[in-house]
Amino acid sequence: MEFSRPDHLLTIDEYVALGETEHGYTELQEGCLLMSPSPTPEHSFALNRLLRALDDRVPKTYSVFPELDVDLELAAPGKPGFSRRPGVLVAERAGRARVRAEGGLIRASEVLLVVEIVSPGSRRMDNVVKRQEYADAGIPHYWIVDLDEPVSLIAYSLTEEFGYVDSQEVSKRFTAAEPFPVDIDLDRLLEEDD
């Protein structure tokens, strides 16, 4: 299927109607279509390790998804929209059922946690732009994983008064009780099994 670039700012419905556009992936920022290259093998490997680390730890009412579009619900229907595709998404199972029945995207109001894995062109986007958008969208938890040695993670939690408040950046091991109990060996995100 040939992809033609839109000539106007897109709504969420128009973005969904595009389907898969071309090699790589897209996101929507205030109606503007953003194109990104496909992840590197290192990025994908770490993503798979992280998915496995989270999969059996999330509460039963949630599901873990890799690289899934989320309607940030920052614009009224029919207005230029915002959609992001985080590396990892923990969302209500009810949202998955709704999308299956009605179509559309998982909504920010159905999301418990988003995780971005920093890529060579996404450092500012992940740490500044997406951090603000995810907070504005009301997503309770946001983690940023940086694969540069030493592998590290910063966990942000949403507060009503201050937006996202971060924990200290950690390397080696990330342990948390919220949004669910988890213990992740960060060095293992890049290590091959023997």
N, C-alpha and C. Protein backbone atom coordinates (compact mmCIF):
# COMPACT_ATOMS: atom_id res chain seq x y z
N MET A 1 0.84 -1.17 0.00
CA MET A 1 0.00 0.00 0.00
C MET A 1 0.89 1.24 0.00
N GLU A 2 0.64 2.17 -0.86
CA GLU A 2 1.42 3.39 -0.93
C GLU A 2 0.86 4.40 0.07
N PHE A 3 1.79 5.06 0.75
CA PHE A 3 1.44 6.05 1.77
C PHE A 3 1.55 7.44 1.19
N SER A 4 0.50 8.24 1.34
CA SER A 4 0.59 9.64 0.91
C SER A 4 0.52 10.51 2.16
N ARG A 5 1.42 11.44 2.23
CA ARG A 5 1.49 12.32 3.40
C ARG A 5 0.25 13.21 3.46
N PRO A 6 -0.31 13.37 4.66
CA PRO A 6 -1.50 14.21 4.80
C PRO A 6 -1.18 15.68 4.53
N ASP A 7 -2.20 16.40 4.08
CA ASP A 7 -2.02 17.83 3.78
C ASP A 7 -2.70 18.73 4.82
N HIS A 8 -3.03 18.15 5.98
CA HIS A 8 -3.67 18.92 7.05
C HIS A 8 -3.35 18.26 8.39
N LEU A 9 -3.66 18.96 9.48
CA LEU A 9 -3.47 18.39 10.81
C LEU A 9 -4.48 17.28 11.01
N LEU A 10 -4.03 16.16 11.57
CA LEU A 10 -4.87 14.97 11.70
C LEU A 10 -5.58 14.88 13.05
N THR A 11 -6.79 14.38 13.01
CA THR A 11 -7.50 14.00 14.23
C THR A 11 -7.07 12.59 14.59
N ILE A 12 -7.43 12.13 15.77
CA ILE A 12 -7.13 10.74 16.16
C ILE A 12 -7.78 9.76 15.19
N ASP A 13 -9.04 10.00 14.82
CA ASP A 13 -9.73 9.10 13.89
C ASP A 13 -9.01 9.03 12.54
N GLU A 14 -8.53 10.15 12.04
CA GLU A 14 -7.79 10.16 10.77
C GLU A 14 -6.46 9.43 10.92
N TYR A 15 -5.82 9.60 12.06
CA TYR A 15 -4.56 8.90 12.33
C TYR A 15 -4.78 7.39 12.34
N VAL A 16 -5.83 6.94 13.02
CA VAL A 16 -6.14 5.51 13.08
C VAL A 16 -6.43 4.98 11.68
N ALA A 17 -7.12 5.75 10.88
CA ALA A 17 -7.48 5.32 9.51
C ALA A 17 -6.25 5.16 8.61
N LEU A 18 -5.14 5.82 8.94
CA LEU A 18 -3.92 5.65 8.14
C LEU A 18 -3.42 4.21 8.16
N GLY A 19 -3.64 3.52 9.27
CA GLY A 19 -3.09 2.18 9.41
C GLY A 19 -1.57 2.26 9.49
N GLU A 20 -0.92 1.17 9.17
CA GLU A 20 0.54 1.17 9.15
C GLU A 20 0.99 1.93 7.92
N THR A 21 1.87 2.88 8.11
CA THR A 21 2.22 3.78 7.03
C THR A 21 3.39 3.28 6.19
N GLU A 22 4.53 3.10 6.78
CA GLU A 22 5.71 2.64 6.05
C GLU A 22 6.71 2.12 7.07
N HIS A 23 7.90 1.75 6.60
CA HIS A 23 8.94 1.22 7.48
C HIS A 23 9.15 2.17 8.66
N GLY A 24 9.29 1.62 9.86
CA GLY A 24 9.40 2.45 11.04
C GLY A 24 8.03 2.59 11.68
N TYR A 25 7.80 3.68 12.36
CA TYR A 25 6.49 3.89 12.97
C TYR A 25 6.20 5.39 13.04
N THR A 26 4.95 5.68 13.35
CA THR A 26 4.52 7.07 13.42
C THR A 26 3.95 7.38 14.80
N GLU A 27 3.93 8.67 15.10
CA GLU A 27 3.23 9.19 16.26
C GLU A 27 2.54 10.47 15.80
N LEU A 28 1.62 10.97 16.61
CA LEU A 28 0.88 12.17 16.26
C LEU A 28 1.09 13.20 17.36
N GLN A 29 1.57 14.38 16.99
CA GLN A 29 1.80 15.45 17.96
C GLN A 29 1.04 16.68 17.51
N GLU A 30 -0.04 16.96 18.21
CA GLU A 30 -0.92 18.09 17.91
C GLU A 30 -1.31 18.11 16.44
N GLY A 31 -1.68 16.91 15.94
CA GLY A 31 -2.14 16.77 14.56
C GLY A 31 -1.04 16.57 13.54
N CYS A 32 0.23 16.73 13.93
CA CYS A 32 1.37 16.56 13.00
C CYS A 32 1.88 15.13 13.07
N LEU A 33 2.03 14.54 11.92
CA LEU A 33 2.52 13.17 11.82
C LEU A 33 4.04 13.17 11.97
N LEU A 34 4.54 12.40 12.95
CA LEU A 34 5.98 12.27 13.18
C LEU A 34 6.41 10.88 12.73
N MET A 35 7.47 10.82 11.98
CA MET A 35 7.99 9.54 11.49
C MET A 35 9.27 9.20 12.24
N SER A 36 9.42 7.95 12.65
CA SER A 36 10.63 7.51 13.33
C SER A 36 11.12 6.22 12.68
N PRO A 37 12.43 6.00 12.70
CA PRO A 37 12.95 4.75 12.15
C PRO A 37 12.59 3.57 13.04
N SER A 38 12.67 2.38 12.49
CA SER A 38 12.45 1.18 13.29
C SER A 38 13.51 1.09 14.36
N PRO A 39 13.20 0.45 15.49
CA PRO A 39 14.19 0.32 16.55
C PRO A 39 15.40 -0.52 16.12
N THR A 40 16.52 -0.29 16.79
CA THR A 40 17.71 -1.10 16.54
C THR A 40 17.53 -2.48 17.18
N PRO A 41 18.33 -3.46 16.78
CA PRO A 41 18.25 -4.77 17.44
C PRO A 41 18.48 -4.68 18.95
N GLU A 42 19.42 -3.83 19.39
CA GLU A 42 19.70 -3.67 20.82
C GLU A 42 18.46 -3.16 21.56
N HIS A 43 17.79 -2.18 20.97
CA HIS A 43 16.57 -1.60 21.53
C HIS A 43 15.48 -2.68 21.62
N SER A 44 15.29 -3.44 20.55
CA SER A 44 14.26 -4.48 20.53
C SER A 44 14.56 -5.59 21.52
N PHE A 45 15.83 -5.95 21.65
CA PHE A 45 16.23 -6.99 22.60
C PHE A 45 15.88 -6.55 24.02
N ALA A 46 16.27 -5.32 24.37
CA ALA A 46 15.98 -4.79 25.71
C ALA A 46 14.47 -4.69 25.94
N LEU A 47 13.74 -4.29 24.92
CA LEU A 47 12.28 -4.20 25.02
C LEU A 47 11.68 -5.57 25.35
N ASN A 48 12.12 -6.61 24.67
CA ASN A 48 11.60 -7.96 24.93
C ASN A 48 11.93 -8.41 26.34
N ARG A 49 13.16 -8.12 26.80
CA ARG A 49 13.53 -8.47 28.18
C ARG A 49 12.65 -7.75 29.18
N LEU A 50 12.39 -6.48 28.94
CA LEU A 50 11.56 -5.70 29.84
C LEU A 50 10.12 -6.23 29.86
N LEU A 51 9.59 -6.58 28.70
CA LEU A 51 8.24 -7.16 28.64
C LEU A 51 8.15 -8.42 29.49
N ARG A 52 9.15 -9.27 29.37
CA ARG A 52 9.15 -10.51 30.17
C ARG A 52 9.24 -10.21 31.66
N ALA A 53 10.03 -9.20 32.03
CA ALA A 53 10.18 -8.85 33.44
C ALA A 53 8.87 -8.33 34.03
N LEU A 54 8.05 -7.69 33.22
CA LEU A 54 6.81 -7.08 33.70
C LEU A 54 5.59 -7.98 33.58
N ASP A 55 5.60 -8.86 32.62
CA ASP A 55 4.39 -9.58 32.21
C ASP A 55 3.66 -10.29 33.36
N ASP A 56 4.37 -11.02 34.20
CA ASP A 56 3.67 -11.75 35.26
C ASP A 56 3.57 -10.97 36.56
N ARG A 57 3.95 -9.69 36.53
CA ARG A 57 3.91 -8.88 37.74
C ARG A 57 2.76 -7.87 37.76
N VAL A 58 2.18 -7.59 36.62
CA VAL A 58 1.10 -6.60 36.59
C VAL A 58 -0.18 -7.20 37.18
N PRO A 59 -1.01 -6.38 37.79
CA PRO A 59 -2.28 -6.88 38.32
C PRO A 59 -3.12 -7.52 37.21
N LYS A 60 -3.95 -8.44 37.57
CA LYS A 60 -4.74 -9.22 36.61
C LYS A 60 -5.70 -8.38 35.78
N THR A 61 -6.03 -7.19 36.22
CA THR A 61 -6.94 -6.34 35.46
C THR A 61 -6.21 -5.53 34.38
N TYR A 62 -4.89 -5.74 34.25
CA TYR A 62 -4.07 -5.03 33.27
C TYR A 62 -3.36 -6.00 32.34
N SER A 63 -2.95 -5.48 31.19
CA SER A 63 -2.15 -6.23 30.22
C SER A 63 -0.92 -5.41 29.86
N VAL A 64 0.14 -6.10 29.47
CA VAL A 64 1.38 -5.46 29.03
C VAL A 64 1.45 -5.56 27.51
N PHE A 65 1.76 -4.43 26.85
CA PHE A 65 1.83 -4.38 25.39
C PHE A 65 3.15 -3.77 24.94
N PRO A 66 3.72 -4.26 23.85
CA PRO A 66 4.87 -3.59 23.26
C PRO A 66 4.42 -2.62 22.18
N GLU A 67 5.01 -1.44 22.16
CA GLU A 67 4.88 -0.49 21.06
C GLU A 67 3.46 -0.39 20.48
N LEU A 68 2.55 0.08 21.30
CA LEU A 68 1.14 0.21 20.92
C LEU A 68 0.73 1.67 20.98
N ASP A 69 -0.01 2.14 19.96
CA ASP A 69 -0.48 3.53 19.92
C ASP A 69 -1.45 3.82 21.07
N VAL A 70 -1.29 5.01 21.65
CA VAL A 70 -2.16 5.47 22.74
C VAL A 70 -2.72 6.84 22.37
N ASP A 71 -4.04 6.98 22.44
CA ASP A 71 -4.68 8.29 22.29
C ASP A 71 -4.48 9.02 23.61
N LEU A 72 -3.70 10.09 23.60
CA LEU A 72 -3.42 10.81 24.84
C LEU A 72 -4.61 11.62 25.34
N GLU A 73 -5.67 11.70 24.55
CA GLU A 73 -6.90 12.40 24.95
C GLU A 73 -6.63 13.85 25.35
N LEU A 74 -5.69 14.48 24.65
CA LEU A 74 -5.36 15.88 24.93
C LEU A 74 -6.11 16.85 24.03
N ALA A 75 -6.89 16.32 23.10
CA ALA A 75 -7.67 17.17 22.18
C ALA A 75 -9.09 16.63 22.09
N ALA A 76 -10.03 17.52 21.90
CA ALA A 76 -11.43 17.12 21.73
C ALA A 76 -11.58 16.31 20.45
N PRO A 77 -12.56 15.41 20.39
CA PRO A 77 -12.79 14.67 19.14
C PRO A 77 -12.97 15.63 17.96
N GLY A 78 -12.37 15.28 16.85
CA GLY A 78 -12.46 16.10 15.65
C GLY A 78 -11.40 17.20 15.57
N LYS A 79 -10.60 17.37 16.62
CA LYS A 79 -9.53 18.37 16.65
C LYS A 79 -8.19 17.68 16.44
N PRO A 80 -7.15 18.44 16.02
CA PRO A 80 -5.83 17.82 15.86
C PRO A 80 -5.41 17.11 17.14
N GLY A 81 -5.06 15.81 17.00
CA GLY A 81 -4.86 14.96 18.16
C GLY A 81 -3.41 14.66 18.51
N PHE A 82 -3.28 13.89 19.59
CA PHE A 82 -1.99 13.45 20.11
C PHE A 82 -2.03 11.94 20.29
N SER A 83 -1.10 11.24 19.68
CA SER A 83 -0.96 9.80 19.88
C SER A 83 0.52 9.49 20.00
N ARG A 84 0.86 8.68 20.97
CA ARG A 84 2.24 8.23 21.17
C ARG A 84 2.28 6.71 21.14
N ARG A 85 3.46 6.19 20.82
CA ARG A 85 3.67 4.75 20.78
C ARG A 85 4.84 4.42 21.71
N PRO A 86 4.57 4.31 23.02
CA PRO A 86 5.65 4.00 23.95
C PRO A 86 6.20 2.59 23.71
N GLY A 87 7.43 2.37 24.17
CA GLY A 87 8.04 1.05 24.03
C GLY A 87 7.23 -0.01 24.74
N VAL A 88 6.79 0.29 25.95
CA VAL A 88 5.97 -0.63 26.76
C VAL A 88 4.80 0.14 27.32
N LEU A 89 3.68 -0.53 27.36
CA LEU A 89 2.43 0.07 27.82
C LEU A 89 1.73 -0.94 28.74
N VAL A 90 1.32 -0.51 29.92
CA VAL A 90 0.50 -1.32 30.81
C VAL A 90 -0.86 -0.64 30.87
N ALA A 91 -1.87 -1.33 30.36
CA ALA A 91 -3.21 -0.73 30.24
C ALA A 91 -4.28 -1.70 30.73
N GLU A 92 -5.42 -1.14 31.08
CA GLU A 92 -6.55 -1.94 31.55
C GLU A 92 -6.98 -2.94 30.48
N ARG A 93 -7.29 -4.15 30.91
CA ARG A 93 -7.79 -5.16 29.97
C ARG A 93 -9.09 -4.70 29.32
N ALA A 94 -9.86 -3.92 30.06
CA ALA A 94 -11.13 -3.41 29.52
C ALA A 94 -10.87 -2.53 28.29
N GLY A 95 -9.76 -1.82 28.27
CA GLY A 95 -9.41 -1.00 27.10
C GLY A 95 -9.15 -1.86 25.88
N ARG A 96 -8.47 -2.96 26.08
CA ARG A 96 -8.23 -3.91 24.97
C ARG A 96 -9.55 -4.44 24.43
N ALA A 97 -10.46 -4.80 25.33
CA ALA A 97 -11.77 -5.30 24.90
C ALA A 97 -12.54 -4.21 24.16
N ARG A 98 -12.45 -2.98 24.63
CA ARG A 98 -13.15 -1.87 23.95
C ARG A 98 -12.62 -1.67 22.54
N VAL A 99 -11.28 -1.69 22.39
CA VAL A 99 -10.69 -1.52 21.06
C VAL A 99 -11.11 -2.67 20.14
N ARG A 100 -11.13 -3.88 20.67
CA ARG A 100 -11.56 -5.03 19.87
C ARG A 100 -13.00 -4.87 19.40
N ALA A 101 -13.87 -4.35 20.27
CA ALA A 101 -15.29 -4.21 19.94
C ALA A 101 -15.59 -2.98 19.09
N GLU A 102 -14.92 -1.85 19.37
CA GLU A 102 -15.27 -0.57 18.75
C GLU A 102 -14.22 -0.04 17.78
N GLY A 103 -13.00 -0.55 17.88
CA GLY A 103 -11.89 0.02 17.11
C GLY A 103 -11.28 1.19 17.86
N GLY A 104 -10.42 1.92 17.19
CA GLY A 104 -9.76 3.06 17.82
C GLY A 104 -8.47 2.65 18.51
N LEU A 105 -8.06 3.42 19.50
CA LEU A 105 -6.81 3.21 20.21
C LEU A 105 -7.07 3.04 21.70
N ILE A 106 -6.10 2.44 22.38
CA ILE A 106 -6.11 2.49 23.84
C ILE A 106 -6.06 3.96 24.23
N ARG A 107 -6.80 4.33 25.26
CA ARG A 107 -6.86 5.72 25.70
C ARG A 107 -5.98 5.94 26.93
N ALA A 108 -5.45 7.14 27.06
CA ALA A 108 -4.60 7.47 28.21
C ALA A 108 -5.30 7.18 29.52
N SER A 109 -6.60 7.39 29.58
CA SER A 109 -7.36 7.14 30.81
C SER A 109 -7.40 5.66 31.18
N GLU A 110 -6.98 4.78 30.27
CA GLU A 110 -6.95 3.33 30.52
C GLU A 110 -5.54 2.84 30.84
N VAL A 111 -4.58 3.76 30.88
CA VAL A 111 -3.17 3.40 31.01
C VAL A 111 -2.68 3.61 32.44
N LEU A 112 -1.94 2.64 32.96
CA LEU A 112 -1.33 2.71 34.27
C LEU A 112 0.13 3.14 34.18
N LEU A 113 0.84 2.64 33.15
CA LEU A 113 2.28 2.87 33.03
C LEU A 113 2.69 2.91 31.57
N VAL A 114 3.55 3.85 31.21
CA VAL A 114 4.24 3.83 29.92
C VAL A 114 5.73 3.81 30.19
N VAL A 115 6.46 3.11 29.32
CA VAL A 115 7.91 3.03 29.42
C VAL A 115 8.49 3.38 28.07
N GLU A 116 9.42 4.31 28.06
CA GLU A 116 10.15 4.65 26.85
C GLU A 116 11.59 4.18 27.01
N ILE A 117 12.12 3.55 25.97
CA ILE A 117 13.53 3.17 25.92
C ILE A 117 14.20 4.20 25.03
N VAL A 118 15.17 4.93 25.59
CA VAL A 118 15.83 6.01 24.88
C VAL A 118 16.56 5.46 23.66
N SER A 119 16.34 6.11 22.53
CA SER A 119 17.02 5.77 21.28
C SER A 119 17.96 6.89 20.92
N PRO A 120 18.88 6.68 19.97
CA PRO A 120 19.79 7.74 19.59
C PRO A 120 19.11 9.00 19.11
N GLY A 121 18.01 9.22 18.79
CA GLY A 121 17.42 10.50 18.41
C GLY A 121 16.25 10.86 19.27
N SER A 122 16.06 10.16 20.41
CA SER A 122 14.84 10.42 21.19
C SER A 122 15.09 10.95 22.59
N ARG A 123 16.33 11.24 22.95
CA ARG A 123 16.64 11.62 24.34
C ARG A 123 15.80 12.82 24.81
N ARG A 124 15.80 13.92 24.06
CA ARG A 124 15.03 15.10 24.45
C ARG A 124 13.53 14.82 24.36
N MET A 125 13.12 14.12 23.32
CA MET A 125 11.70 13.80 23.15
C MET A 125 11.19 13.00 24.36
N ASP A 126 11.95 11.98 24.78
CA ASP A 126 11.52 11.13 25.89
C ASP A 126 11.57 11.86 27.23
N ASN A 127 12.62 12.65 27.45
CA ASN A 127 12.83 13.29 28.75
C ASN A 127 12.08 14.60 28.94
N VAL A 128 11.69 15.25 27.86
CA VAL A 128 11.03 16.55 27.99
C VAL A 128 9.62 16.51 27.39
N VAL A 129 9.52 16.29 26.09
CA VAL A 129 8.22 16.40 25.41
C VAL A 129 7.25 15.32 25.87
N LYS A 130 7.66 14.06 25.77
CA LYS A 130 6.75 12.98 26.16
C LYS A 130 6.45 13.01 27.65
N ARG A 131 7.44 13.35 28.44
CA ARG A 131 7.22 13.46 29.89
C ARG A 131 6.08 14.45 30.16
N GLN A 132 6.09 15.60 29.51
CA GLN A 132 5.04 16.59 29.72
C GLN A 132 3.69 16.10 29.17
N GLU A 133 3.71 15.52 27.97
CA GLU A 133 2.46 15.03 27.39
C GLU A 133 1.84 13.92 28.24
N TYR A 134 2.64 12.96 28.67
CA TYR A 134 2.10 11.86 29.49
C TYR A 134 1.54 12.39 30.81
N ALA A 135 2.20 13.38 31.40
CA ALA A 135 1.68 13.99 32.63
C ALA A 135 0.37 14.72 32.34
N ASP A 136 0.34 15.50 31.26
CA ASP A 136 -0.89 16.22 30.89
C ASP A 136 -2.03 15.25 30.62
N ALA A 137 -1.70 14.06 30.10
CA ALA A 137 -2.71 13.05 29.79
C ALA A 137 -3.18 12.30 31.03
N GLY A 138 -2.51 12.51 32.16
CA GLY A 138 -2.92 11.87 33.42
C GLY A 138 -2.45 10.44 33.58
N ILE A 139 -1.43 10.04 32.84
CA ILE A 139 -0.90 8.67 32.98
C ILE A 139 -0.13 8.61 34.30
N PRO A 140 -0.54 7.72 35.21
CA PRO A 140 0.01 7.73 36.56
C PRO A 140 1.50 7.47 36.69
N HIS A 141 2.07 6.63 35.80
CA HIS A 141 3.48 6.27 35.94
C HIS A 141 4.18 6.29 34.59
N TYR A 142 5.39 6.83 34.58
CA TYR A 142 6.21 6.92 33.37
C TYR A 142 7.64 6.55 33.74
N TRP A 143 8.19 5.56 33.03
CA TRP A 143 9.57 5.15 33.24
C TRP A 143 10.36 5.44 31.97
N ILE A 144 11.60 5.88 32.15
CA ILE A 144 12.52 6.06 31.03
C ILE A 144 13.72 5.15 31.26
N VAL A 145 13.98 4.27 30.31
CA VAL A 145 15.13 3.36 30.37
C VAL A 145 16.17 3.87 29.38
N ASP A 146 17.38 4.06 29.87
CA ASP A 146 18.49 4.50 29.03
C ASP A 146 19.48 3.35 28.90
N LEU A 147 19.71 2.88 27.67
CA LEU A 147 20.56 1.73 27.43
C LEU A 147 22.05 2.06 27.38
N ASP A 148 22.40 3.35 27.41
CA ASP A 148 23.82 3.71 27.49
C ASP A 148 24.38 3.18 28.81
N GLU A 149 25.60 2.64 28.75
CA GLU A 149 26.23 2.08 29.95
C GLU A 149 26.48 3.16 30.99
N PRO A 150 26.17 2.92 32.25
CA PRO A 150 25.44 1.77 32.73
C PRO A 150 23.94 1.93 32.44
N VAL A 151 23.28 0.83 32.09
CA VAL A 151 21.84 0.87 31.83
C VAL A 151 21.15 1.45 33.07
N SER A 152 20.23 2.41 32.84
CA SER A 152 19.59 3.07 33.98
C SER A 152 18.10 3.26 33.73
N LEU A 153 17.40 3.56 34.81
CA LEU A 153 15.95 3.77 34.75
C LEU A 153 15.59 4.91 35.69
N ILE A 154 14.73 5.80 35.20
CA ILE A 154 14.13 6.84 36.04
C ILE A 154 12.62 6.57 36.05
N ALA A 155 12.05 6.49 37.24
CA ALA A 155 10.61 6.27 37.39
C ALA A 155 9.95 7.55 37.83
N TYR A 156 8.91 7.97 37.11
CA TYR A 156 8.13 9.15 37.44
C TYR A 156 6.75 8.73 37.91
N SER A 157 6.25 9.40 38.94
CA SER A 157 4.89 9.17 39.44
C SER A 157 4.15 10.50 39.38
N LEU A 158 2.91 10.44 38.96
CA LEU A 158 2.09 11.63 38.79
C LEU A 158 1.52 12.09 40.13
N THR A 159 1.66 13.38 40.41
CA THR A 159 1.03 13.98 41.58
C THR A 159 0.08 15.06 41.09
N GLU A 160 -0.93 15.35 41.85
CA GLU A 160 -1.88 16.39 41.44
C GLU A 160 -1.25 17.77 41.43
N GLU A 161 -0.39 18.03 42.39
CA GLU A 161 0.15 19.37 42.56
C GLU A 161 1.36 19.67 41.67
N PHE A 162 2.25 18.69 41.49
CA PHE A 162 3.52 18.96 40.83
C PHE A 162 3.71 18.25 39.49
N GLY A 163 2.71 17.56 38.99
CA GLY A 163 2.90 16.75 37.77
C GLY A 163 3.75 15.54 38.12
N TYR A 164 4.68 15.17 37.23
CA TYR A 164 5.53 14.02 37.51
C TYR A 164 6.62 14.38 38.50
N VAL A 165 6.79 13.53 39.49
CA VAL A 165 7.88 13.61 40.44
C VAL A 165 8.71 12.35 40.21
N ASP A 166 10.04 12.52 40.07
CA ASP A 166 10.86 11.37 39.74
C ASP A 166 11.56 10.81 40.96
N SER A 167 11.82 9.51 40.85
CA SER A 167 12.71 8.87 41.80
C SER A 167 14.13 9.17 41.32
N GLN A 168 15.10 8.78 42.06
CA GLN A 168 16.47 8.95 41.59
C GLN A 168 16.72 7.98 40.44
N GLU A 169 17.56 8.40 39.50
CA GLU A 169 17.97 7.49 38.43
C GLU A 169 18.73 6.34 39.06
N VAL A 170 18.38 5.11 38.68
CA VAL A 170 19.04 3.92 39.23
C VAL A 170 19.69 3.13 38.11
N SER A 171 20.77 2.46 38.44
CA SER A 171 21.39 1.50 37.55
C SER A 171 21.51 0.19 38.33
N LYS A 172 21.91 -0.84 37.65
CA LYS A 172 22.04 -2.19 38.21
C LYS A 172 20.68 -2.83 38.47
N ARG A 173 19.93 -2.35 39.47
CA ARG A 173 18.67 -2.99 39.84
C ARG A 173 17.62 -1.93 40.15
N PHE A 174 16.42 -2.12 39.58
CA PHE A 174 15.30 -1.23 39.86
C PHE A 174 14.26 -2.02 40.64
N THR A 175 13.92 -1.53 41.82
CA THR A 175 12.93 -2.17 42.68
C THR A 175 11.89 -1.12 43.05
N ALA A 176 10.62 -1.49 42.93
CA ALA A 176 9.54 -0.56 43.25
C ALA A 176 8.32 -1.31 43.77
N ALA A 177 7.53 -0.63 44.57
CA ALA A 177 6.25 -1.18 45.04
C ALA A 177 5.09 -0.64 44.21
N GLU A 178 5.29 0.52 43.57
CA GLU A 178 4.24 1.16 42.77
C GLU A 178 4.69 1.30 41.33
N PRO A 179 3.86 1.11 40.36
CA PRO A 179 2.42 0.88 40.43
C PRO A 179 2.05 -0.56 40.77
N PHE A 180 3.07 -1.45 40.85
CA PHE A 180 2.92 -2.84 41.29
C PHE A 180 4.31 -3.30 41.69
N PRO A 181 4.41 -4.30 42.55
CA PRO A 181 5.74 -4.75 42.98
C PRO A 181 6.56 -5.28 41.80
N VAL A 182 7.79 -4.78 41.68
CA VAL A 182 8.64 -5.19 40.57
C VAL A 182 10.11 -5.10 41.00
N ASP A 183 10.90 -6.00 40.46
CA ASP A 183 12.34 -6.03 40.70
C ASP A 183 13.00 -6.39 39.37
N ILE A 184 13.73 -5.44 38.78
CA ILE A 184 14.29 -5.65 37.44
C ILE A 184 15.81 -5.49 37.50
N ASP A 185 16.50 -6.51 37.05
CA ASP A 185 17.95 -6.45 36.90
C ASP A 185 18.21 -5.71 35.59
N LEU A 186 18.60 -4.45 35.67
CA LEU A 186 18.75 -3.62 34.47
C LEU A 186 19.87 -4.10 33.56
N ASP A 187 20.94 -4.64 34.13
CA ASP A 187 22.03 -5.16 33.30
C ASP A 187 21.56 -6.31 32.40
N ARG A 188 20.58 -7.07 32.88
CA ARG A 188 20.05 -8.22 32.11
C ARG A 188 19.27 -7.77 30.86
N LEU A 189 18.90 -6.50 30.79
CA LEU A 189 18.15 -6.05 29.63
C LEU A 189 18.97 -6.17 28.35
N LEU A 190 20.28 -6.19 28.46
CA LEU A 190 21.14 -6.28 27.27
C LEU A 190 21.93 -7.57 27.19
N GLU A 191 21.88 -8.42 28.22
CA GLU A 191 22.69 -9.64 28.26
C GLU A 191 22.00 -10.80 27.57
N GLU A 192 22.78 -11.53 26.78
CA GLU A 192 22.31 -12.76 26.15
C GLU A 192 22.27 -13.87 27.19
N ASP A 193 21.33 -14.80 27.05
CA ASP A 193 21.32 -16.00 27.89
C ASP A 193 22.41 -16.93 27.39
N ASP A 194 23.04 -17.62 28.31
CA ASP A 194 24.06 -18.60 27.90
C ASP A 194 23.46 -19.94 27.58
